[in-house]
Amino acid sequence: MEYGPDYGTDWLYFIDDYGTNHIMNFSSIPRDTHDMLFGDAYFYLYTRNNSNEPEQVVVPKDDDHFQSVNFNKLNDIRVLTHGWLSAESVGWIQKTKNSLLREYDLNVITVDWSELSKNIIYPYAAFSTRYVGKRVSKLLEAVAATYNVSGHRIHLIGHSLGAQVMGYAGMFSNEKVYRVTGLDPARPLFEVPKMPLDFCLDSSDANFVDIIHTCGGVYGYRNSYGHADFYPNNGQPMQPGCSGARQVAGTWFPNQCSLIADSCSHGRSHEYFEESIEYKFDDGFIAYPCENWKKFENGECTENPSFMGYSASADSKGNYYLYTRNESKYA
């Protein structure tokens, strides 16, 4: 649906994680970072010892050691963060954290950069991702120095602008991290207009970068930037099940039904990922490498499958396609 001139190239309507409608204007780009930051990023550690009571941890100053009561140096690290206008307390982060700790004994760190992400001037929030990513890398470097944790034990996961945060975190890390998972990485000001690779999530940011596309060409990346790019239902809106949101919207807000379906599709990326955590071995989101969606639809791609989501193999390379169901269980 057309909302007006230059929709999709200069501006978009956007519904945040709390259901509020905003205008995302990315036609005016800040020329520098002066006065851009209006807050900071905060870090919260969850383990099986404190799964419901987060321990706030801080980036040490100078040569101080990382300090934590609950961190277990024997366990791997998973880092989660949110996107524009959201926060660490958002439902999908808490659900994903809970799923990770239920299935695995881990150190889960959540990043709350809401003081920056809730800037309604989208370019300010978008360009703050670089600063936040650098803060994440500084925290992880302190953890590594204190506990001798190597990069191959670190997996960074972010949604939308949060995926760009994690790309920067990987890029700035002294030792390359094992994996970055981008959940429908933000397109405006990263793919449109096209940024240099050092300014957007891509395969150079970790040993394995996997990307789940669910609202490609609108809020999320259209093109492939990872080692493995997964395109459930062609990676575009409308994702299965989002037609219900569209129908409800059409009843109450007939001019916004497409917008709400796009927002639903954008959120499917983290829903698919969260659900994938519970799947083991021969179960889950099975995807097939293929040249394009049409060939996949025609049944021409039926060999060398890989799992989409948490269990994705680092051996996966190229573009992968799959179908999902309308509702959970999506696989």
Protein backbone atom coordinates (compact mmCIF):
# COMPACT_ATOMS: atom_id res chain seq x y z
CA MET A 1 0.00 0.00 0.00
CA GLU A 2 1.30 3.49 -0.91
CA TYR A 3 1.20 5.96 1.97
CA GLY A 4 2.67 8.87 0.02
CA PRO A 5 5.62 10.04 -2.11
CA ASP A 6 9.02 8.46 -1.34
CA TYR A 7 7.51 5.93 1.07
CA GLY A 8 10.09 3.20 1.61
CA THR A 9 13.02 5.21 0.30
CA ASP A 10 12.90 8.32 2.52
CA TRP A 11 10.42 7.40 5.24
CA LEU A 12 8.23 4.64 6.66
CA TYR A 13 5.46 4.22 9.13
CA PHE A 14 6.59 2.03 12.00
CA ILE A 15 4.77 0.30 14.85
CA ASP A 16 7.01 -0.27 17.86
CA ASP A 17 7.04 -3.28 20.19
CA TYR A 18 4.38 -1.61 22.33
CA GLY A 19 1.89 -0.94 19.52
CA THR A 20 2.55 2.79 19.08
CA ASN A 21 2.66 4.21 15.56
CA HIS A 22 5.63 6.38 14.50
CA ILE A 23 7.03 7.98 11.39
CA MET A 24 10.54 6.72 10.58
CA ASN A 25 12.12 9.56 8.62
CA PHE A 26 15.54 8.68 7.27
CA SER A 27 15.79 11.30 4.51
CA SER A 28 17.76 13.70 6.73
CA ILE A 29 21.02 12.15 7.91
CA PRO A 30 23.14 13.68 10.73
CA ARG A 31 26.47 14.88 9.36
CA ASP A 32 28.35 14.13 12.58
CA THR A 33 27.82 12.65 16.04
CA HIS A 34 27.71 15.99 17.88
CA ASP A 35 24.79 16.03 20.33
CA MET A 36 23.61 12.67 19.04
CA LEU A 37 23.95 10.62 22.24
CA PHE A 38 21.41 11.19 24.96
CA GLY A 39 22.11 8.21 27.19
CA ASP A 40 24.09 5.03 27.51
CA ALA A 41 23.91 1.25 27.24
CA TYR A 42 23.38 -1.01 30.25
CA PHE A 43 24.14 -4.69 30.68
CA TYR A 44 22.28 -7.37 32.61
CA LEU A 45 23.55 -10.88 33.31
CA TYR A 46 21.23 -13.85 33.68
CA THR A 47 22.29 -17.40 34.55
CA ARG A 48 20.48 -20.42 35.93
CA ASN A 49 21.35 -19.05 39.36
CA ASN A 50 19.53 -15.76 38.73
CA SER A 51 17.25 -16.39 35.76
CA ASN A 52 14.58 -13.99 37.02
CA GLU A 53 16.76 -11.53 38.92
CA PRO A 54 19.16 -9.77 36.57
CA GLU A 55 22.58 -8.77 37.81
CA GLN A 56 23.64 -5.46 36.34
CA VAL A 57 27.24 -5.62 35.15
CA VAL A 58 29.38 -2.72 33.97
CA VAL A 59 32.22 -2.10 31.57
CA PRO A 60 35.32 -1.79 33.79
CA LYS A 61 37.37 1.36 33.66
CA ASP A 62 40.95 1.22 32.46
CA ASP A 63 42.58 -2.06 33.53
CA ASP A 64 40.01 -3.07 36.14
CA HIS A 65 38.67 -6.61 36.00
CA PHE A 66 35.13 -7.52 35.07
CA GLN A 67 33.18 -8.17 38.25
CA SER A 68 30.17 -10.42 38.68
CA VAL A 69 28.60 -12.57 41.36
CA ASN A 70 26.83 -14.94 38.97
CA PHE A 71 29.08 -15.22 35.90
CA ASN A 72 30.31 -18.79 35.34
CA LYS A 73 33.56 -18.89 33.39
CA LEU A 74 32.89 -22.49 32.33
CA ASN A 75 29.74 -21.53 30.45
CA ASP A 76 29.41 -19.94 27.02
CA ILE A 77 28.07 -16.44 26.48
CA ARG A 78 24.95 -15.33 24.61
CA VAL A 79 24.24 -11.62 24.18
CA LEU A 80 20.79 -10.28 23.22
CA THR A 81 19.61 -6.82 22.26
CA HIS A 82 16.57 -4.98 20.96
CA GLY A 83 15.82 -2.53 18.18
CA TRP A 84 14.45 0.96 17.68
CA LEU A 85 12.09 2.34 20.36
CA SER A 86 12.39 -0.85 22.40
CA ALA A 87 14.13 -1.97 25.61
CA GLU A 88 15.72 -4.93 27.38
CA SER A 89 12.44 -5.69 29.15
CA VAL A 90 10.58 -6.34 25.88
CA GLY A 91 8.79 -9.67 25.75
CA TRP A 92 10.81 -11.38 23.02
CA ILE A 93 14.14 -10.78 24.80
CA GLN A 94 12.82 -12.14 28.07
CA LYS A 95 11.28 -15.18 26.33
CA THR A 96 14.48 -15.86 24.41
CA LYS A 97 16.56 -15.53 27.56
CA ASN A 98 14.27 -17.93 29.38
CA SER A 99 14.38 -20.45 26.54
CA LEU A 100 18.18 -20.32 26.39
CA LEU A 101 18.55 -20.91 30.12
CA ARG A 102 15.95 -23.64 30.14
CA GLU A 103 17.74 -25.59 27.41
CA TYR A 104 21.38 -24.71 28.13
CA ASP A 105 23.61 -23.68 31.02
CA LEU A 106 24.80 -20.29 29.79
CA ASN A 107 25.77 -16.76 30.68
CA VAL A 108 23.08 -14.66 28.99
CA ILE A 109 23.78 -10.93 28.80
CA THR A 110 21.06 -8.54 27.68
CA VAL A 111 21.89 -5.07 26.40
CA ASP A 112 19.53 -2.21 27.20
CA TRP A 113 20.26 0.81 25.04
CA SER A 114 16.75 2.21 25.33
CA GLU A 115 18.01 5.65 26.36
CA LEU A 116 19.35 5.87 22.81
CA SER A 117 16.97 3.60 20.88
CA LYS A 118 13.91 5.51 22.09
CA ASN A 119 15.02 8.66 20.30
CA ILE A 120 12.10 9.18 17.91
CA ILE A 121 14.49 10.77 15.40
CA TYR A 122 15.39 7.51 13.68
CA PRO A 123 18.79 8.55 12.27
CA TYR A 124 20.02 9.42 15.76
CA ALA A 125 19.04 5.97 17.02
CA ALA A 126 20.48 4.30 13.92
CA PHE A 127 23.86 5.99 14.22
CA SER A 128 23.98 5.28 17.96
CA THR A 129 24.30 1.57 17.11
CA ARG A 130 28.00 2.07 16.45
CA TYR A 131 28.59 3.49 19.93
CA VAL A 132 26.51 0.75 21.57
CA GLY A 133 28.30 -1.95 19.59
CA LYS A 134 31.64 -0.61 20.77
CA ARG A 135 30.41 -0.72 24.38
CA VAL A 136 29.36 -4.36 23.92
CA SER A 137 32.80 -5.20 22.56
CA LYS A 138 34.49 -3.46 25.52
CA LEU A 139 32.41 -5.49 27.97
CA LEU A 140 33.25 -8.74 26.21
CA GLU A 141 36.94 -7.87 26.10
CA ALA A 142 36.87 -7.32 29.86
CA VAL A 143 35.15 -10.68 30.36
CA ALA A 144 37.73 -12.35 28.13
CA ALA A 145 40.64 -10.75 30.01
CA THR A 146 39.23 -11.62 33.43
CA TYR A 147 38.14 -15.19 32.77
CA ASN A 148 40.21 -16.16 29.72
CA VAL A 149 37.07 -16.61 27.61
CA SER A 150 37.81 -16.98 23.90
CA GLY A 151 35.77 -15.53 21.08
CA HIS A 152 34.57 -18.94 19.88
CA ARG A 153 32.35 -19.13 22.98
CA ILE A 154 30.47 -15.91 22.20
CA HIS A 155 27.23 -15.64 20.20
CA LEU A 156 25.64 -12.21 19.62
CA ILE A 157 21.94 -11.94 18.72
CA GLY A 158 20.07 -8.77 17.79
CA HIS A 159 16.79 -7.71 16.19
CA SER A 160 16.43 -4.87 13.67
CA LEU A 161 18.71 -2.02 14.79
CA GLY A 162 19.92 -4.43 17.47
CA ALA A 163 21.36 -6.62 14.71
CA GLN A 164 23.42 -3.63 13.58
CA VAL A 165 24.59 -3.15 17.18
CA MET A 166 25.84 -6.73 17.20
CA GLY A 167 27.54 -6.29 13.85
CA TYR A 168 29.52 -3.40 15.28
CA ALA A 169 30.24 -5.38 18.46
CA GLY A 170 31.71 -8.15 16.35
CA MET A 171 33.67 -5.73 14.18
CA PHE A 172 35.21 -3.92 17.15
CA SER A 173 36.14 -7.07 19.10
CA ASN A 174 39.86 -7.74 19.44
CA GLU A 175 39.27 -11.45 18.88
CA LYS A 176 36.66 -12.36 16.30
CA VAL A 177 33.54 -13.74 17.94
CA TYR A 178 32.17 -17.10 16.91
CA ARG A 179 28.75 -16.01 15.72
CA VAL A 180 26.43 -13.09 15.09
CA THR A 181 22.74 -13.75 14.36
CA GLY A 182 20.86 -10.90 12.72
CA LEU A 183 17.09 -11.05 13.15
CA ASP A 184 15.68 -9.03 10.25
CA PRO A 185 18.50 -6.45 10.42
CA ALA A 186 17.36 -2.86 9.98
CA ARG A 187 17.34 -1.74 6.36
CA PRO A 188 16.85 2.07 6.56
CA LEU A 189 20.21 3.87 6.66
CA PHE A 190 22.10 0.58 6.28
CA GLU A 191 20.88 -0.91 3.01
CA VAL A 192 18.93 2.16 1.85
CA PRO A 193 20.95 4.23 1.23
CA LYS A 194 23.66 1.61 0.93
CA MET A 195 26.32 1.98 3.62
CA PRO A 196 29.92 0.73 3.32
CA LEU A 197 30.33 -2.75 4.79
CA ASP A 198 32.12 -1.37 7.87
CA PHE A 199 28.87 0.41 8.73
CA CYS A 200 26.38 -2.45 8.48
CA LEU A 201 26.11 -6.06 9.60
CA ASP A 202 27.85 -8.38 7.16
CA SER A 203 29.82 -11.62 7.04
CA SER A 204 33.08 -9.99 8.16
CA ASP A 205 31.74 -9.35 11.67
CA ALA A 206 32.10 -12.92 13.02
CA ASN A 207 33.34 -16.34 12.06
CA PHE A 208 29.72 -17.20 11.27
CA VAL A 209 27.03 -14.63 10.49
CA ASP A 210 23.50 -15.95 9.95
CA ILE A 211 20.59 -13.72 9.08
CA ILE A 212 16.85 -14.40 9.23
CA HIS A 213 14.88 -12.22 6.80
CA THR A 214 11.16 -11.73 7.45
CA CYS A 215 10.33 -8.18 6.33
CA GLY A 216 12.86 -7.78 3.55
CA GLY A 217 12.65 -4.61 1.50
CA VAL A 218 10.61 -2.75 4.13
CA TYR A 219 12.07 -2.74 7.65
CA GLY A 220 14.67 -5.47 7.11
CA TYR A 221 17.52 -6.32 4.73
CA ARG A 222 16.39 -7.35 1.28
CA ASN A 223 19.74 -8.71 0.12
CA SER A 224 22.14 -11.32 1.50
CA TYR A 225 24.94 -10.17 3.80
CA GLY A 226 25.72 -13.19 5.98
CA HIS A 227 27.53 -16.45 5.47
CA ALA A 228 24.05 -17.98 5.55
CA ASP A 229 20.88 -16.00 4.84
CA PHE A 230 17.55 -17.61 5.65
CA TYR A 231 14.39 -16.53 3.83
CA PRO A 232 11.32 -18.09 5.45
CA ASN A 233 8.35 -17.64 3.10
CA ASN A 234 10.65 -15.68 0.76
CA GLY A 235 11.77 -13.42 3.61
CA GLN A 236 9.22 -10.72 2.84
CA PRO A 237 5.93 -9.49 4.25
CA MET A 238 3.37 -10.81 4.65
CA GLN A 239 4.63 -13.70 6.81
CA PRO A 240 2.07 -16.49 7.44
CA GLY A 241 -0.27 -15.64 10.27
CA CYS A 242 0.20 -11.91 9.85
CA SER A 243 -2.91 -11.75 7.67
CA GLY A 244 -4.91 -12.06 10.90
CA ALA A 245 -3.24 -8.92 12.22
CA ARG A 246 -4.03 -7.26 8.93
CA GLN A 247 -7.69 -8.25 9.09
CA VAL A 248 -8.04 -6.96 12.64
CA ALA A 249 -6.32 -3.74 11.60
CA GLY A 250 -8.64 -3.43 8.63
CA THR A 251 -11.63 -3.58 10.97
CA TRP A 252 -10.42 -0.80 13.22
CA PHE A 253 -7.83 1.09 11.15
CA PRO A 254 -8.56 0.43 7.47
CA ASN A 255 -5.76 2.72 6.28
CA GLN A 256 -3.12 0.95 8.38
CA CYS A 257 -3.77 -2.74 7.76
CA SER A 258 -0.70 -3.21 5.55
CA LEU A 259 1.45 -1.36 8.08
CA ILE A 260 0.40 -3.67 10.91
CA ALA A 261 1.08 -6.74 8.75
CA ASP A 262 4.58 -5.41 8.02
CA SER A 263 5.23 -4.91 11.72
CA CYS A 264 4.01 -8.42 12.43
CA SER A 265 6.34 -9.79 9.75
CA HIS A 266 9.30 -7.85 11.16
CA GLY A 267 8.68 -9.46 14.54
CA ARG A 268 8.43 -12.98 13.13
CA SER A 269 12.24 -13.14 12.91
CA HIS A 270 12.66 -13.15 16.68
CA GLU A 271 9.64 -15.42 17.15
CA TYR A 272 11.16 -18.01 14.80
CA PHE A 273 14.52 -17.74 16.54
CA GLU A 274 13.09 -18.06 20.04
CA GLU A 275 11.11 -21.13 19.03
CA SER A 276 14.15 -22.69 17.34
CA ILE A 277 16.01 -22.89 20.67
CA GLU A 278 13.88 -25.79 21.88
CA TYR A 279 14.37 -27.91 18.75
CA LYS A 280 16.98 -30.66 18.71
CA PHE A 281 18.77 -32.54 15.96
CA ASP A 282 16.23 -33.76 13.36
CA ASP A 283 13.49 -31.33 14.40
CA GLY A 284 13.05 -27.63 13.71
CA PHE A 285 13.13 -25.11 10.87
CA ILE A 286 14.57 -27.13 8.00
CA ALA A 287 15.73 -24.88 5.15
CA TYR A 288 17.20 -25.69 1.74
CA PRO A 289 19.89 -23.88 -0.22
CA CYS A 290 18.48 -22.52 -3.44
CA GLU A 291 19.19 -19.93 -6.10
CA ASN A 292 15.86 -18.17 -5.53
CA TRP A 293 12.38 -18.52 -4.07
CA LYS A 294 10.73 -19.48 -7.35
CA LYS A 295 12.99 -22.49 -7.79
CA PHE A 296 12.32 -23.47 -4.19
CA GLU A 297 8.57 -23.19 -4.73
CA ASN A 298 8.91 -25.36 -7.82
CA GLY A 299 10.53 -28.11 -5.77
CA GLU A 300 13.92 -27.81 -7.46
CA CYS A 301 15.89 -27.52 -4.20
CA THR A 302 15.67 -30.56 -1.95
CA GLU A 303 19.27 -31.38 -0.98
CA ASN A 304 21.80 -30.30 1.67
CA PRO A 305 19.32 -28.85 4.20
CA SER A 306 20.31 -26.77 7.18
CA PHE A 307 18.45 -25.61 10.26
CA MET A 308 17.37 -21.99 10.56
CA GLY A 309 17.75 -20.39 13.97
CA TYR A 310 19.72 -21.36 17.03
CA SER A 311 20.91 -24.70 15.65
CA ALA A 312 22.12 -23.29 12.33
CA SER A 313 25.37 -24.94 11.29
CA ALA A 314 28.46 -22.81 10.76
CA ASP A 315 29.03 -24.89 7.63
CA SER A 316 25.92 -23.33 6.08
CA LYS A 317 26.73 -21.04 3.15
CA GLY A 318 24.47 -19.13 0.78
CA ASN A 319 20.73 -18.48 0.66
CA TYR A 320 18.26 -20.86 2.28
CA TYR A 321 14.49 -21.04 1.84
CA LEU A 322 11.71 -22.66 3.83
CA TYR A 323 8.03 -22.51 4.66
CA THR A 324 6.61 -21.88 8.13
CA ARG A 325 3.20 -22.37 9.67
CA ASN A 326 0.74 -19.59 10.48
CA GLU A 327 1.20 -19.82 14.24
CA SER A 328 3.44 -21.35 16.86
CA LYS A 329 4.68 -23.99 16.49
CA TYR A 330 5.89 -22.33 13.33
CA ALA A 331 8.27 -25.09 12.21
